[in-house]
PDB file of all heavy atoms in Angstrom:
ATOM      1  N   MET A   1     -32.901  -0.155  -7.117  1.00  0.00           N
ATOM      2  CA  MET A   1     -31.650  -0.865  -7.056  1.00  0.00           C
ATOM      3  C   MET A   1     -30.607  -0.030  -7.734  1.00  0.00           C
ATOM      4  O   MET A   1     -29.400   0.004  -7.325  1.00  0.00           O
ATOM      5  CB  MET A   1     -31.804  -2.229  -7.733  1.00  0.00           C
ATOM      6  CG  MET A   1     -30.604  -3.054  -7.652  1.00  0.00           C
ATOM      7  SD  MET A   1     -30.373  -3.631  -5.931  1.00  0.00           S
ATOM      8  CE  MET A   1     -29.057  -4.697  -6.125  1.00  0.00           C
ATOM      9  N   GLY A   2     -30.905   0.601  -8.845  1.00  0.00           N
ATOM     10  CA  GLY A   2     -29.960   1.480  -9.604  1.00  0.00           C
ATOM     11  C   GLY A   2     -29.568   2.621  -8.758  1.00  0.00           C
ATOM     12  O   GLY A   2     -28.339   3.106  -8.863  1.00  0.00           O
ATOM     13  N   ARG A   3     -30.416   3.181  -7.986  1.00  0.00           N
ATOM     14  CA  ARG A   3     -30.064   4.293  -7.133  1.00  0.00           C
ATOM     15  C   ARG A   3     -29.038   3.879  -6.068  1.00  0.00           C
ATOM     16  O   ARG A   3     -28.119   4.670  -5.792  1.00  0.00           O
ATOM     17  CB  ARG A   3     -31.370   4.892  -6.483  1.00  0.00           C
ATOM     18  CG  ARG A   3     -31.092   6.030  -5.592  1.00  0.00           C
ATOM     19  CD  ARG A   3     -32.453   6.760  -5.300  1.00  0.00           C
ATOM     20  NE  ARG A   3     -32.386   7.697  -4.241  1.00  0.00           N
ATOM     21  CZ  ARG A   3     -31.827   8.914  -4.271  1.00  0.00           C
ATOM     22  NH1 ARG A   3     -31.284   9.293  -5.327  1.00  0.00           N
ATOM     23  NH2 ARG A   3     -31.812   9.670  -3.209  1.00  0.00           N
ATOM     24  N   ILE A   4     -29.217   2.755  -5.506  1.00  0.00           N
ATOM     25  CA  ILE A   4     -28.305   2.263  -4.517  1.00  0.00           C
ATOM     26  C   ILE A   4     -26.923   2.048  -5.162  1.00  0.00           C
ATOM     27  O   ILE A   4     -25.901   2.426  -4.531  1.00  0.00           O
ATOM     28  CB  ILE A   4     -28.806   0.918  -3.853  1.00  0.00           C
ATOM     29  CG1 ILE A   4     -30.096   1.211  -3.076  1.00  0.00           C
ATOM     30  CG2 ILE A   4     -27.762   0.310  -2.932  1.00  0.00           C
ATOM     31  CD1 ILE A   4     -30.765   0.000  -2.533  1.00  0.00           C
ATOM     32  N   LEU A   5     -26.871   1.489  -6.340  1.00  0.00           N
ATOM     33  CA  LEU A   5     -25.593   1.251  -7.044  1.00  0.00           C
ATOM     34  C   LEU A   5     -24.946   2.601  -7.394  1.00  0.00           C
ATOM     35  O   LEU A   5     -23.697   2.754  -7.225  1.00  0.00           O
ATOM     36  CB  LEU A   5     -25.810   0.475  -8.313  1.00  0.00           C
ATOM     37  CG  LEU A   5     -25.931  -1.023  -8.120  1.00  0.00           C
ATOM     38  CD1 LEU A   5     -26.174  -1.725  -9.444  1.00  0.00           C
ATOM     39  CD2 LEU A   5     -24.714  -1.608  -7.401  1.00  0.00           C
ATOM     40  N   SER A   6     -25.727   3.652  -7.757  1.00  0.00           N
ATOM     41  CA  SER A   6     -25.160   4.952  -8.078  1.00  0.00           C
ATOM     42  C   SER A   6     -24.567   5.593  -6.825  1.00  0.00           C
ATOM     43  O   SER A   6     -23.492   6.256  -6.843  1.00  0.00           O
ATOM     44  CB  SER A   6     -26.125   5.820  -8.740  1.00  0.00           C
ATOM     45  OG  SER A   6     -27.209   6.192  -7.885  1.00  0.00           O
ATOM     46  N   ILE A   7     -25.284   5.431  -5.716  1.00  0.00           N
ATOM     47  CA  ILE A   7     -24.748   5.931  -4.427  1.00  0.00           C
ATOM     48  C   ILE A   7     -23.479   5.310  -4.025  1.00  0.00           C
ATOM     49  O   ILE A   7     -22.523   5.888  -3.559  1.00  0.00           O
ATOM     50  CB  ILE A   7     -25.860   5.850  -3.296  1.00  0.00           C
ATOM     51  CG1 ILE A   7     -27.021   6.812  -3.577  1.00  0.00           C
ATOM     52  CG2 ILE A   7     -25.213   6.176  -1.917  1.00  0.00           C
ATOM     53  CD1 ILE A   7     -28.203   6.643  -2.643  1.00  0.00           C
ATOM     54  N   PHE A   8     -23.485   3.930  -4.201  1.00  0.00           N
ATOM     55  CA  PHE A   8     -22.296   3.112  -3.858  1.00  0.00           C
ATOM     56  C   PHE A   8     -21.108   3.506  -4.745  1.00  0.00           C
ATOM     57  O   PHE A   8     -19.979   3.581  -4.272  1.00  0.00           O
ATOM     58  CB  PHE A   8     -22.628   1.643  -3.983  1.00  0.00           C
ATOM     59  CG  PHE A   8     -21.509   0.700  -3.514  1.00  0.00           C
ATOM     60  CD1 PHE A   8     -21.226   0.592  -2.187  1.00  0.00           C
ATOM     61  CD2 PHE A   8     -20.748   0.053  -4.432  1.00  0.00           C
ATOM     62  CE1 PHE A   8     -20.175  -0.206  -1.779  1.00  0.00           C
ATOM     63  CE2 PHE A   8     -19.716  -0.790  -4.052  1.00  0.00           C
ATOM     64  CZ  PHE A   8     -19.460  -0.936  -2.708  1.00  0.00           C
ATOM     65  N   ASN A   9     -21.357   3.740  -6.026  1.00  0.00           N
ATOM     66  CA  ASN A   9     -20.253   4.104  -6.953  1.00  0.00           C
ATOM     67  C   ASN A   9     -19.728   5.482  -6.644  1.00  0.00           C
ATOM     68  O   ASN A   9     -18.567   5.783  -6.953  1.00  0.00           O
ATOM     69  CB  ASN A   9     -20.778   4.027  -8.386  1.00  0.00           C
ATOM     70  CG  ASN A   9     -20.960   2.590  -8.844  1.00  0.00           C
ATOM     71  OD1 ASN A   9     -20.299   1.693  -8.315  1.00  0.00           O
ATOM     72  ND2 ASN A   9     -21.834   2.411  -9.842  1.00  0.00           N
ATOM     73  N   ASN A  10     -20.510   6.380  -6.058  1.00  0.00           N
ATOM     74  CA  ASN A  10     -20.072   7.769  -5.740  1.00  0.00           C
ATOM     75  C   ASN A  10     -19.220   7.766  -4.469  1.00  0.00           C
ATOM     76  O   ASN A  10     -18.645   8.842  -4.156  1.00  0.00           O
ATOM     77  CB  ASN A  10     -21.236   8.672  -5.673  1.00  0.00           C
ATOM     78  CG  ASN A  10     -21.926   8.988  -7.001  1.00  0.00           C
ATOM     79  OD1 ASN A  10     -21.253   8.820  -8.015  1.00  0.00           O
ATOM     80  ND2 ASN A  10     -23.138   9.267  -6.991  1.00  0.00           N
ATOM     81  N   LEU A  11     -19.227   6.696  -3.685  1.00  0.00           N
ATOM     82  CA  LEU A  11     -18.446   6.708  -2.427  1.00  0.00           C
ATOM     83  C   LEU A  11     -16.975   6.574  -2.709  1.00  0.00           C
ATOM     84  O   LEU A  11     -16.538   6.076  -3.744  1.00  0.00           O
ATOM     85  CB  LEU A  11     -18.887   5.550  -1.535  1.00  0.00           C
ATOM     86  CG  LEU A  11     -20.328   5.588  -1.011  1.00  0.00           C
ATOM     87  CD1 LEU A  11     -20.680   4.333  -0.239  1.00  0.00           C
ATOM     88  CD2 LEU A  11     -20.550   6.783  -0.124  1.00  0.00           C
ATOM     89  N   SER A  12     -16.163   6.994  -1.756  1.00  0.00           N
ATOM     90  CA  SER A  12     -14.739   6.858  -1.888  1.00  0.00           C
ATOM     91  C   SER A  12     -14.366   5.387  -1.700  1.00  0.00           C
ATOM     92  O   SER A  12     -15.141   4.567  -1.240  1.00  0.00           O
ATOM     93  CB  SER A  12     -14.025   7.684  -0.859  1.00  0.00           C
ATOM     94  OG  SER A  12     -14.292   7.179   0.435  1.00  0.00           O
ATOM     95  N   LEU A  13     -13.157   5.111  -2.121  1.00  0.00           N
ATOM     96  CA  LEU A  13     -12.686   3.737  -2.091  1.00  0.00           C
ATOM     97  C   LEU A  13     -12.596   3.146  -0.709  1.00  0.00           C
ATOM     98  O   LEU A  13     -12.985   1.999  -0.466  1.00  0.00           O
ATOM     99  CB  LEU A  13     -11.226   3.641  -2.766  1.00  0.00           C
ATOM    100  CG  LEU A  13     -10.662   2.237  -2.866  1.00  0.00           C
ATOM    101  CD1 LEU A  13     -11.530   1.340  -3.664  1.00  0.00           C
ATOM    102  CD2 LEU A  13      -9.247   2.289  -3.415  1.00  0.00           C
ATOM    103  N   SER A  14     -12.183   3.995   0.330  1.00  0.00           N
ATOM    104  CA  SER A  14     -12.162   3.488   1.633  1.00  0.00           C
ATOM    105  C   SER A  14     -13.553   3.194   2.188  1.00  0.00           C
ATOM    106  O   SER A  14     -13.708   2.249   2.961  1.00  0.00           O
ATOM    107  CB  SER A  14     -11.417   4.553   2.563  1.00  0.00           C
ATOM    108  OG  SER A  14     -12.157   5.751   2.572  1.00  0.00           O
ATOM    109  N   LYS A  15     -14.519   4.002   1.881  1.00  0.00           N
ATOM    110  CA  LYS A  15     -15.922   3.716   2.292  1.00  0.00           C
ATOM    111  C   LYS A  15     -16.410   2.473   1.648  1.00  0.00           C
ATOM    112  O   LYS A  15     -17.157   1.693   2.290  1.00  0.00           O
ATOM    113  CB  LYS A  15     -16.791   4.971   2.007  1.00  0.00           C
ATOM    114  CG  LYS A  15     -16.524   6.097   2.916  1.00  0.00           C
ATOM    115  CD  LYS A  15     -17.422   7.226   2.630  1.00  0.00           C
ATOM    116  CE  LYS A  15     -17.121   8.423   3.553  1.00  0.00           C
ATOM    117  NZ  LYS A  15     -17.978   9.587   3.277  1.00  0.00           N
ATOM    118  N   LYS A  16     -16.132   2.239   0.371  1.00  0.00           N
ATOM    119  CA  LYS A  16     -16.541   1.060  -0.328  1.00  0.00           C
ATOM    120  C   LYS A  16     -15.928  -0.249   0.369  1.00  0.00           C
ATOM    121  O   LYS A  16     -16.657  -1.175   0.575  1.00  0.00           O
ATOM    122  CB  LYS A  16     -16.155   1.068  -1.772  1.00  0.00           C
ATOM    123  CG  LYS A  16     -16.934   2.051  -2.667  1.00  0.00           C
ATOM    124  CD  LYS A  16     -16.424   1.981  -4.094  1.00  0.00           C
ATOM    125  CE  LYS A  16     -17.125   2.993  -4.926  1.00  0.00           C
ATOM    126  NZ  LYS A  16     -16.620   2.974  -6.304  1.00  0.00           N
ATOM    127  N   ILE A  17     -14.635  -0.120   0.676  1.00  0.00           N
ATOM    128  CA  ILE A  17     -13.991  -1.288   1.285  1.00  0.00           C
ATOM    129  C   ILE A  17     -14.584  -1.496   2.696  1.00  0.00           C
ATOM    130  O   ILE A  17     -14.844  -2.634   3.109  1.00  0.00           O
ATOM    131  CB  ILE A  17     -12.460  -0.965   1.417  1.00  0.00           C
ATOM    132  CG1 ILE A  17     -11.822  -0.984  -0.038  1.00  0.00           C
ATOM    133  CG2 ILE A  17     -11.811  -2.056   2.282  1.00  0.00           C
ATOM    134  CD1 ILE A  17     -10.401  -0.645  -0.062  1.00  0.00           C
ATOM    135  N   PHE A  18     -14.860  -0.420   3.396  1.00  0.00           N
ATOM    136  CA  PHE A  18     -15.503  -0.558   4.771  1.00  0.00           C
ATOM    137  C   PHE A  18     -16.844  -1.241   4.692  1.00  0.00           C
ATOM    138  O   PHE A  18     -17.206  -2.146   5.407  1.00  0.00           O
ATOM    139  CB  PHE A  18     -15.576   0.797   5.432  1.00  0.00           C
ATOM    140  CG  PHE A  18     -16.275   0.795   6.735  1.00  0.00           C
ATOM    141  CD1 PHE A  18     -15.580   0.294   7.872  1.00  0.00           C
ATOM    142  CD2 PHE A  18     -17.564   1.201   6.909  1.00  0.00           C
ATOM    143  CE1 PHE A  18     -16.197   0.235   9.126  1.00  0.00           C
ATOM    144  CE2 PHE A  18     -18.205   1.161   8.093  1.00  0.00           C
ATOM    145  CZ  PHE A  18     -17.540   0.678   9.210  1.00  0.00           C
ATOM    146  N   ILE A  19     -17.680  -0.806   3.734  1.00  0.00           N
ATOM    147  CA  ILE A  19     -19.026  -1.345   3.591  1.00  0.00           C
ATOM    148  C   ILE A  19     -18.960  -2.802   3.186  1.00  0.00           C
ATOM    149  O   ILE A  19     -19.649  -3.610   3.744  1.00  0.00           O
ATOM    150  CB  ILE A  19     -19.869  -0.526   2.557  1.00  0.00           C
ATOM    151  CG1 ILE A  19     -20.144   0.883   3.200  1.00  0.00           C
ATOM    152  CG2 ILE A  19     -21.142  -1.266   2.199  1.00  0.00           C
ATOM    153  CD1 ILE A  19     -20.829   1.827   2.204  1.00  0.00           C
ATOM    154  N   LEU A  20     -18.084  -3.152   2.243  1.00  0.00           N
ATOM    155  CA  LEU A  20     -17.920  -4.503   1.790  1.00  0.00           C
ATOM    156  C   LEU A  20     -17.389  -5.384   2.872  1.00  0.00           C
ATOM    157  O   LEU A  20     -17.817  -6.560   3.068  1.00  0.00           O
ATOM    158  CB  LEU A  20     -17.074  -4.560   0.548  1.00  0.00           C
ATOM    159  CG  LEU A  20     -17.689  -4.013  -0.707  1.00  0.00           C
ATOM    160  CD1 LEU A  20     -16.656  -4.019  -1.888  1.00  0.00           C
ATOM    161  CD2 LEU A  20     -18.931  -4.736  -1.059  1.00  0.00           C
ATOM    162  N   SER A  21     -16.475  -4.868   3.696  1.00  0.00           N
ATOM    163  CA  SER A  21     -15.951  -5.736   4.770  1.00  0.00           C
ATOM    164  C   SER A  21     -16.946  -5.953   5.881  1.00  0.00           C
ATOM    165  O   SER A  21     -17.031  -6.979   6.434  1.00  0.00           O
ATOM    166  CB  SER A  21     -14.663  -5.035   5.383  1.00  0.00           C
ATOM    167  OG  SER A  21     -15.008  -3.797   5.953  1.00  0.00           O
ATOM    168  N   VAL A  22     -17.801  -4.881   6.112  1.00  0.00           N
ATOM    169  CA  VAL A  22     -18.890  -5.087   7.156  1.00  0.00           C
ATOM    170  C   VAL A  22     -19.851  -6.133   6.639  1.00  0.00           C
ATOM    171  O   VAL A  22     -20.319  -7.005   7.417  1.00  0.00           O
ATOM    172  CB  VAL A  22     -19.534  -3.752   7.423  1.00  0.00           C
ATOM    173  CG1 VAL A  22     -20.846  -3.962   8.184  1.00  0.00           C
ATOM    174  CG2 VAL A  22     -18.620  -2.829   8.240  1.00  0.00           C
ATOM    175  N   LEU A  23     -20.240  -6.009   5.353  1.00  0.00           N
ATOM    176  CA  LEU A  23     -21.172  -7.005   4.794  1.00  0.00           C
ATOM    177  C   LEU A  23     -20.584  -8.443   4.817  1.00  0.00           C
ATOM    178  O   LEU A  23     -21.287  -9.391   5.134  1.00  0.00           O
ATOM    179  CB  LEU A  23     -21.564  -6.564   3.342  1.00  0.00           C
ATOM    180  CG  LEU A  23     -22.458  -5.375   3.239  1.00  0.00           C
ATOM    181  CD1 LEU A  23     -22.702  -5.022   1.751  1.00  0.00           C
ATOM    182  CD2 LEU A  23     -23.848  -5.678   3.961  1.00  0.00           C
ATOM    183  N   SER A  24     -19.345  -8.516   4.453  1.00  0.00           N
ATOM    184  CA  SER A  24     -18.706  -9.865   4.481  1.00  0.00           C
ATOM    185  C   SER A  24     -18.610 -10.400   5.877  1.00  0.00           C
ATOM    186  O   SER A  24     -18.847 -11.653   6.129  1.00  0.00           O
ATOM    187  CB  SER A  24     -17.340  -9.885   3.812  1.00  0.00           C
ATOM    188  OG  SER A  24     -16.448  -8.984   4.471  1.00  0.00           O
ATOM    189  N   ILE A  25     -18.298  -9.559   6.901  1.00  0.00           N
ATOM    190  CA  ILE A  25     -18.307 -10.017   8.270  1.00  0.00           C
ATOM    191  C   ILE A  25     -19.651 -10.442   8.697  1.00  0.00           C
ATOM    192  O   ILE A  25     -19.817 -11.541   9.323  1.00  0.00           O
ATOM    193  CB  ILE A  25     -17.802  -8.909   9.186  1.00  0.00           C
ATOM    194  CG1 ILE A  25     -16.308  -8.722   8.947  1.00  0.00           C
ATOM    195  CG2 ILE A  25     -18.025  -9.190  10.669  1.00  0.00           C
ATOM    196  CD1 ILE A  25     -15.682  -7.460   9.668  1.00  0.00           C
ATOM    197  N   LEU A  26     -20.732  -9.764   8.334  1.00  0.00           N
ATOM    198  CA  LEU A  26     -22.094 -10.138   8.656  1.00  0.00           C
ATOM    199  C   LEU A  26     -22.456 -11.495   8.032  1.00  0.00           C
ATOM    200  O   LEU A  26     -23.139 -12.307   8.642  1.00  0.00           O
ATOM    201  CB  LEU A  26     -23.055  -9.044   8.290  1.00  0.00           C
ATOM    202  CG  LEU A  26     -23.073  -7.765   9.128  1.00  0.00           C
ATOM    203  CD1 LEU A  26     -23.960  -6.771   8.573  1.00  0.00           C
ATOM    204  CD2 LEU A  26     -23.381  -8.100  10.590  1.00  0.00           C
ATOM    205  N   VAL A  27     -22.090 -11.645   6.787  1.00  0.00           N
ATOM    206  CA  VAL A  27     -22.393 -12.918   6.119  1.00  0.00           C
ATOM    207  C   VAL A  27     -21.692 -14.054   6.809  1.00  0.00           C
ATOM    208  O   VAL A  27     -22.273 -15.120   7.020  1.00  0.00           O
ATOM    209  CB  VAL A  27     -22.022 -12.800   4.612  1.00  0.00           C
ATOM    210  CG1 VAL A  27     -22.004 -14.210   3.923  1.00  0.00           C
ATOM    211  CG2 VAL A  27     -22.877 -11.845   3.844  1.00  0.00           C
ATOM    212  N   VAL A  28     -20.351 -13.934   7.104  1.00  0.00           N
ATOM    213  CA  VAL A  28     -19.614 -15.009   7.694  1.00  0.00           C
ATOM    214  C   VAL A  28     -20.239 -15.274   9.110  1.00  0.00           C
ATOM    215  O   VAL A  28     -20.381 -16.443   9.476  1.00  0.00           O
ATOM    216  CB  VAL A  28     -18.098 -14.629   7.804  1.00  0.00           C
ATOM    217  CG1 VAL A  28     -17.410 -15.565   8.725  1.00  0.00           C
ATOM    218  CG2 VAL A  28     -17.474 -14.641   6.448  1.00  0.00           C
ATOM    219  N   TYR A  29     -20.524 -14.250   9.877  1.00  0.00           N
ATOM    220  CA  TYR A  29     -21.130 -14.415  11.199  1.00  0.00           C
ATOM    221  C   TYR A  29     -22.465 -15.143  11.071  1.00  0.00           C
ATOM    222  O   TYR A  29     -22.728 -16.068  11.870  1.00  0.00           O
ATOM    223  CB  TYR A  29     -21.339 -13.032  11.847  1.00  0.00           C
ATOM    224  CG  TYR A  29     -22.055 -13.152  13.164  1.00  0.00           C
ATOM    225  CD1 TYR A  29     -21.420 -13.555  14.313  1.00  0.00           C
ATOM    226  CD2 TYR A  29     -23.451 -12.826  13.275  1.00  0.00           C
ATOM    227  CE1 TYR A  29     -22.106 -13.684  15.514  1.00  0.00           C
ATOM    228  CE2 TYR A  29     -24.106 -12.927  14.443  1.00  0.00           C
ATOM    229  CZ  TYR A  29     -23.470 -13.363  15.592  1.00  0.00           C
ATOM    230  OH  TYR A  29     -24.089 -13.481  16.745  1.00  0.00           O
TER     231      TYR A  29
END
């Protein structure tokens, strides 16, 4: 789990926003 968080923290802001928006769309769907 820590490795996934470190990879996520190393991403750029636009990639983080994209991943979070995709996840939120999937949750709402």
